[in-house]
Amino acid sequence: MEQRSGCPINLSLEVVGDKWSLIVIRDMMFGNRRHFNVLLANSDEGIASNVLADRLQRLVEAGLITRAPDPSHKQKVLYSLAEPAIQLVPVLAHLGAWGRRHFPVSRELSVRAELLERGGPDFWDRFMDELREQHLGIPRPEGTPSAFDELREAYEAERAQT
């Protein structure tokens, strides 16, 4: 990949600064969507299949996600978050908090951002440990409550009210 400069913000935006890359990472992170068809069918924003295929390929090439045969189905591919994508949790937490303050968000789609903001770094660390377990096979500390379940339950409770 040709780089425009050595600026860390520029370099980061060259990888995730397009319209869809962070949305794909978000869906893998918060929705545990790891198959192409699941990412496509459950896209709230309506990503096109060719765009999704392109972004997945770019994210694999950039080392943010990995692609491997799905052990449960010979014809499927399983996408996983790599460590650099998992370390985006604080960035996404801040981005979600900023978006909640400055834009007319829906309650249903912003409840996870609110929980991340309220939970702060301790919650982010728990969530990242859980993502490492789900995507990298690294066991999280025993007895650690599930941050993923807390996020999912908050989202589902809001969906039930709307």
C-alpha atoms as a PDB file:
ATOM      1  CA  MET A   1       0.000   0.000   0.000  1.00  0.00           C
ATOM      2  CA  GLU A   2       1.408   3.359  -1.028  1.00  0.00           C
ATOM      3  CA  GLN A   3       1.324   5.883   1.813  1.00  0.00           C
ATOM      4  CA  ARG A   4       0.741   9.597   1.440  1.00  0.00           C
ATOM      5  CA  SER A   5       2.736  10.422   4.559  1.00  0.00           C
ATOM      6  CA  GLY A   6       4.112   8.998   7.775  1.00  0.00           C
ATOM      7  CA  CYS A   7       1.449  10.762   9.872  1.00  0.00           C
ATOM      8  CA  PRO A   8      -0.166   8.204  12.224  1.00  0.00           C
ATOM      9  CA  ILE A   9      -3.646   9.716  11.718  1.00  0.00           C
ATOM     10  CA  ASN A  10      -3.245   9.598   7.939  1.00  0.00           C
ATOM     11  CA  LEU A  11      -1.935   6.027   8.037  1.00  0.00           C
ATOM     12  CA  SER A  12      -4.864   4.945  10.213  1.00  0.00           C
ATOM     13  CA  LEU A  13      -7.372   6.637   7.929  1.00  0.00           C
ATOM     14  CA  GLU A  14      -5.824   4.998   4.869  1.00  0.00           C
ATOM     15  CA  VAL A  15      -6.807   1.646   6.409  1.00  0.00           C
ATOM     16  CA  VAL A  16     -10.154   2.401   8.117  1.00  0.00           C
ATOM     17  CA  GLY A  17     -11.139   5.855   6.865  1.00  0.00           C
ATOM     18  CA  ASP A  18     -13.483   4.799   4.071  1.00  0.00           C
ATOM     19  CA  LYS A  19     -17.262   4.621   4.432  1.00  0.00           C
ATOM     20  CA  TRP A  20     -17.458   0.901   5.264  1.00  0.00           C
ATOM     21  CA  SER A  21     -14.355  -0.529   6.979  1.00  0.00           C
ATOM     22  CA  LEU A  22     -15.235   0.484  10.543  1.00  0.00           C
ATOM     23  CA  ILE A  23     -18.843  -0.626   9.964  1.00  0.00           C
ATOM     24  CA  VAL A  24     -17.608  -4.115   9.002  1.00  0.00           C
ATOM     25  CA  ILE A  25     -15.352  -4.183  12.077  1.00  0.00           C
ATOM     26  CA  ARG A  26     -18.249  -2.916  14.232  1.00  0.00           C
ATOM     27  CA  ASP A  27     -20.530  -5.681  12.979  1.00  0.00           C
ATOM     28  CA  MET A  28     -17.893  -8.330  13.639  1.00  0.00           C
ATOM     29  CA  MET A  29     -17.111  -6.860  17.048  1.00  0.00           C
ATOM     30  CA  PHE A  30     -20.563  -6.135  18.455  1.00  0.00           C
ATOM     31  CA  GLY A  31     -22.672  -8.558  16.430  1.00  0.00           C
ATOM     32  CA  ASN A  32     -20.194 -11.454  16.267  1.00  0.00           C
ATOM     33  CA  ARG A  33     -20.918 -11.614  12.542  1.00  0.00           C
ATOM     34  CA  ARG A  34     -18.124 -13.684  11.046  1.00  0.00           C
ATOM     35  CA  HIS A  35     -19.453 -15.024   7.737  1.00  0.00           C
ATOM     36  CA  PHE A  36     -19.854 -13.071   4.503  1.00  0.00           C
ATOM     37  CA  ASN A  37     -23.578 -13.811   4.125  1.00  0.00           C
ATOM     38  CA  VAL A  38     -24.309 -12.909   7.751  1.00  0.00           C
ATOM     39  CA  LEU A  39     -22.430  -9.616   7.427  1.00  0.00           C
ATOM     40  CA  LEU A  40     -24.299  -8.883   4.200  1.00  0.00           C
ATOM     41  CA  ALA A  41     -27.800  -9.871   5.336  1.00  0.00           C
ATOM     42  CA  ASN A  42     -27.611  -8.141   8.719  1.00  0.00           C
ATOM     43  CA  SER A  43     -26.111  -4.847   7.600  1.00  0.00           C
ATOM     44  CA  ASP A  44     -28.211  -2.026   9.071  1.00  0.00           C
ATOM     45  CA  GLU A  45     -26.658   0.329   6.537  1.00  0.00           C
ATOM     46  CA  GLY A  46     -27.264  -1.939   3.521  1.00  0.00           C
ATOM     47  CA  ILE A  47     -23.732  -2.646   2.306  1.00  0.00           C
ATOM     48  CA  ALA A  48     -23.577  -4.010  -1.246  1.00  0.00           C
ATOM     49  CA  SER A  49     -22.038  -7.470  -1.724  1.00  0.00           C
ATOM     50  CA  ASN A  50     -19.223  -6.187  -3.957  1.00  0.00           C
ATOM     51  CA  VAL A  51     -18.360  -3.467  -1.434  1.00  0.00           C
ATOM     52  CA  LEU A  52     -18.379  -5.967   1.437  1.00  0.00           C
ATOM     53  CA  ALA A  53     -16.118  -8.337  -0.494  1.00  0.00           C
ATOM     54  CA  ASP A  54     -13.720  -5.469  -1.233  1.00  0.00           C
ATOM     55  CA  ARG A  55     -13.626  -4.247   2.380  1.00  0.00           C
ATOM     56  CA  LEU A  56     -13.095  -7.723   3.778  1.00  0.00           C
ATOM     57  CA  GLN A  57     -10.201  -8.246   1.377  1.00  0.00           C
ATOM     58  CA  ARG A  58      -8.677  -4.856   2.260  1.00  0.00           C
ATOM     59  CA  LEU A  59      -9.032  -5.495   5.999  1.00  0.00           C
ATOM     60  CA  VAL A  60      -7.378  -8.911   5.612  1.00  0.00           C
ATOM     61  CA  GLU A  61      -4.528  -7.354   3.606  1.00  0.00           C
ATOM     62  CA  ALA A  62      -4.115  -4.644   6.267  1.00  0.00           C
ATOM     63  CA  GLY A  63      -3.919  -7.275   9.031  1.00  0.00           C
ATOM     64  CA  LEU A  64      -7.064  -6.159  10.865  1.00  0.00           C
ATOM     65  CA  ILE A  65      -8.997  -9.344  10.222  1.00  0.00           C
ATOM     66  CA  THR A  66      -8.119 -12.882   9.237  1.00  0.00           C
ATOM     67  CA  ARG A  67      -9.825 -15.240   6.836  1.00  0.00           C
ATOM     68  CA  ALA A  68      -9.810 -19.028   7.312  1.00  0.00           C
ATOM     69  CA  PRO A  69     -11.888 -22.020   6.265  1.00  0.00           C
ATOM     70  CA  ASP A  70     -14.807 -22.545   8.635  1.00  0.00           C
ATOM     71  CA  PRO A  71     -14.185 -25.847  10.443  1.00  0.00           C
ATOM     72  CA  SER A  72     -17.963 -26.365  10.792  1.00  0.00           C
ATOM     73  CA  HIS A  73     -18.735 -25.999   7.053  1.00  0.00           C
ATOM     74  CA  LYS A  74     -16.405 -26.835   4.175  1.00  0.00           C
ATOM     75  CA  GLN A  75     -17.811 -24.200   1.811  1.00  0.00           C
ATOM     76  CA  LYS A  76     -17.776 -21.275   4.240  1.00  0.00           C
ATOM     77  CA  VAL A  77     -15.051 -18.879   5.281  1.00  0.00           C
ATOM     78  CA  LEU A  78     -14.772 -17.596   8.841  1.00  0.00           C
ATOM     79  CA  TYR A  79     -13.549 -14.043   9.391  1.00  0.00           C
ATOM     80  CA  SER A  80     -11.954 -13.138  12.715  1.00  0.00           C
ATOM     81  CA  LEU A  81     -10.775  -9.908  14.244  1.00  0.00           C
ATOM     82  CA  ALA A  82      -7.004  -9.672  14.548  1.00  0.00           C
ATOM     83  CA  GLU A  83      -5.366  -7.954  17.530  1.00  0.00           C
ATOM     84  CA  PRO A  84      -5.094  -4.538  15.788  1.00  0.00           C
ATOM     85  CA  ALA A  85      -8.867  -4.511  15.189  1.00  0.00           C
ATOM     86  CA  ILE A  86      -9.583  -5.608  18.767  1.00  0.00           C
ATOM     87  CA  GLN A  87      -7.496  -2.661  19.967  1.00  0.00           C
ATOM     88  CA  LEU A  88      -9.981  -0.364  18.165  1.00  0.00           C
ATOM     89  CA  VAL A  89     -12.505  -0.886  20.995  1.00  0.00           C
ATOM     90  CA  PRO A  90     -11.510   2.355  22.807  1.00  0.00           C
ATOM     91  CA  VAL A  91     -11.551   4.252  19.494  1.00  0.00           C
ATOM     92  CA  LEU A  92     -15.038   2.976  18.697  1.00  0.00           C
ATOM     93  CA  ALA A  93     -16.172   3.740  22.253  1.00  0.00           C
ATOM     94  CA  HIS A  94     -15.012   7.338  21.901  1.00  0.00           C
ATOM     95  CA  LEU A  95     -16.443   7.623  18.391  1.00  0.00           C
ATOM     96  CA  GLY A  96     -19.811   6.304  19.579  1.00  0.00           C
ATOM     97  CA  ALA A  97     -19.830   8.698  22.550  1.00  0.00           C
ATOM     98  CA  TRP A  98     -19.012  11.617  20.247  1.00  0.00           C
ATOM     99  CA  GLY A  99     -21.760  10.572  17.827  1.00  0.00           C
ATOM    100  CA  ARG A 100     -24.309  10.331  20.664  1.00  0.00           C
ATOM    101  CA  ARG A 101     -23.495  13.897  21.733  1.00  0.00           C
ATOM    102  CA  HIS A 102     -23.583  15.492  18.290  1.00  0.00           C
ATOM    103  CA  PHE A 103     -26.115  13.632  16.140  1.00  0.00           C
ATOM    104  CA  PRO A 104     -29.757  12.516  16.372  1.00  0.00           C
ATOM    105  CA  VAL A 105     -29.060   8.841  17.113  1.00  0.00           C
ATOM    106  CA  SER A 106     -31.694   6.197  17.745  1.00  0.00           C
ATOM    107  CA  ARG A 107     -31.900   4.881  21.287  1.00  0.00           C
ATOM    108  CA  GLU A 108     -31.820   1.298  20.051  1.00  0.00           C
ATOM    109  CA  LEU A 109     -28.609   1.740  18.068  1.00  0.00           C
ATOM    110  CA  SER A 110     -26.854   3.963  20.590  1.00  0.00           C
ATOM    111  CA  VAL A 111     -27.419   1.974  23.777  1.00  0.00           C
ATOM    112  CA  ARG A 112     -24.196  -0.006  23.301  1.00  0.00           C
ATOM    113  CA  ALA A 113     -22.233   3.220  22.802  1.00  0.00           C
ATOM    114  CA  GLU A 114     -23.739   4.536  26.047  1.00  0.00           C
ATOM    115  CA  LEU A 115     -22.766   1.356  27.907  1.00  0.00           C
ATOM    116  CA  LEU A 116     -19.225   1.527  26.511  1.00  0.00           C
ATOM    117  CA  GLU A 117     -18.906   5.173  27.524  1.00  0.00           C
ATOM    118  CA  ARG A 118     -20.230   4.546  31.044  1.00  0.00           C
ATOM    119  CA  GLY A 119     -18.097   1.417  31.465  1.00  0.00           C
ATOM    120  CA  GLY A 120     -14.890   3.171  30.493  1.00  0.00           C
ATOM    121  CA  PRO A 121     -11.460   1.532  30.200  1.00  0.00           C
ATOM    122  CA  ASP A 122     -12.209  -1.324  32.621  1.00  0.00           C
ATOM    123  CA  PHE A 123     -15.231  -2.380  30.562  1.00  0.00           C
ATOM    124  CA  TRP A 124     -13.269  -1.953  27.293  1.00  0.00           C
ATOM    125  CA  ASP A 125     -10.515  -4.210  28.648  1.00  0.00           C
ATOM    126  CA  ARG A 126     -13.059  -6.887  29.587  1.00  0.00           C
ATOM    127  CA  PHE A 127     -14.658  -6.612  26.141  1.00  0.00           C
ATOM    128  CA  MET A 128     -11.278  -6.824  24.388  1.00  0.00           C
ATOM    129  CA  ASP A 129     -10.370  -9.903  26.464  1.00  0.00           C
ATOM    130  CA  GLU A 130     -13.634 -11.499  25.391  1.00  0.00           C
ATOM    131  CA  LEU A 131     -13.017 -10.610  21.731  1.00  0.00           C
ATOM    132  CA  ARG A 132      -9.550 -12.194  22.021  1.00  0.00           C
ATOM    133  CA  GLU A 133     -11.227 -15.331  23.319  1.00  0.00           C
ATOM    134  CA  GLN A 134     -13.867 -15.379  20.537  1.00  0.00           C
ATOM    135  CA  HIS A 135     -11.586 -14.454  17.649  1.00  0.00           C
ATOM    136  CA  LEU A 136      -8.063 -15.467  18.675  1.00  0.00           C
ATOM    137  CA  GLY A 137      -8.739 -18.411  20.985  1.00  0.00           C
ATOM    138  CA  ILE A 138      -7.019 -16.747  23.942  1.00  0.00           C
ATOM    139  CA  PRO A 139      -8.939 -17.640  27.121  1.00  0.00           C
ATOM    140  CA  ARG A 140     -10.088 -14.690  29.186  1.00  0.00           C
ATOM    141  CA  PRO A 141      -9.651 -14.652  32.953  1.00  0.00           C
ATOM    142  CA  GLU A 142     -11.959 -17.131  34.676  1.00  0.00           C
ATOM    143  CA  GLY A 143     -15.002 -15.700  36.357  1.00  0.00           C
ATOM    144  CA  THR A 144     -14.947 -12.541  34.252  1.00  0.00           C
ATOM    145  CA  PRO A 145     -18.497 -11.413  33.483  1.00  0.00           C
ATOM    146  CA  SER A 146     -19.313 -11.250  29.779  1.00  0.00           C
ATOM    147  CA  ALA A 147     -19.094  -7.709  28.389  1.00  0.00           C
ATOM    148  CA  PHE A 148     -20.468  -9.031  25.084  1.00  0.00           C
ATOM    149  CA  ASP A 149     -23.581 -10.345  26.864  1.00  0.00           C
ATOM    150  CA  GLU A 150     -24.070  -7.016  28.656  1.00  0.00           C
ATOM    151  CA  LEU A 151     -23.893  -5.155  25.342  1.00  0.00           C
ATOM    152  CA  ARG A 152     -26.229  -7.632  23.623  1.00  0.00           C
ATOM    153  CA  GLU A 153     -28.749  -7.597  26.458  1.00  0.00           C
ATOM    154  CA  ALA A 154     -28.855  -3.785  26.536  1.00  0.00           C
ATOM    155  CA  TYR A 155     -29.420  -3.704  22.773  1.00  0.00           C
ATOM    156  CA  GLU A 156     -32.123  -6.402  22.887  1.00  0.00           C
ATOM    157  CA  ALA A 157     -33.911  -4.648  25.775  1.00  0.00           C
ATOM    158  CA  GLU A 158     -34.063  -1.445  23.717  1.00  0.00           C
ATOM    159  CA  ARG A 159     -35.272  -3.342  20.633  1.00  0.00           C
ATOM    160  CA  ALA A 160     -38.062  -4.897  22.721  1.00  0.00           C
ATOM    161  CA  GLN A 161     -39.238  -1.421  23.776  1.00  0.00           C
ATOM    162  CA  THR A 162     -39.376  -0.043  20.214  1.00  0.00           C
END
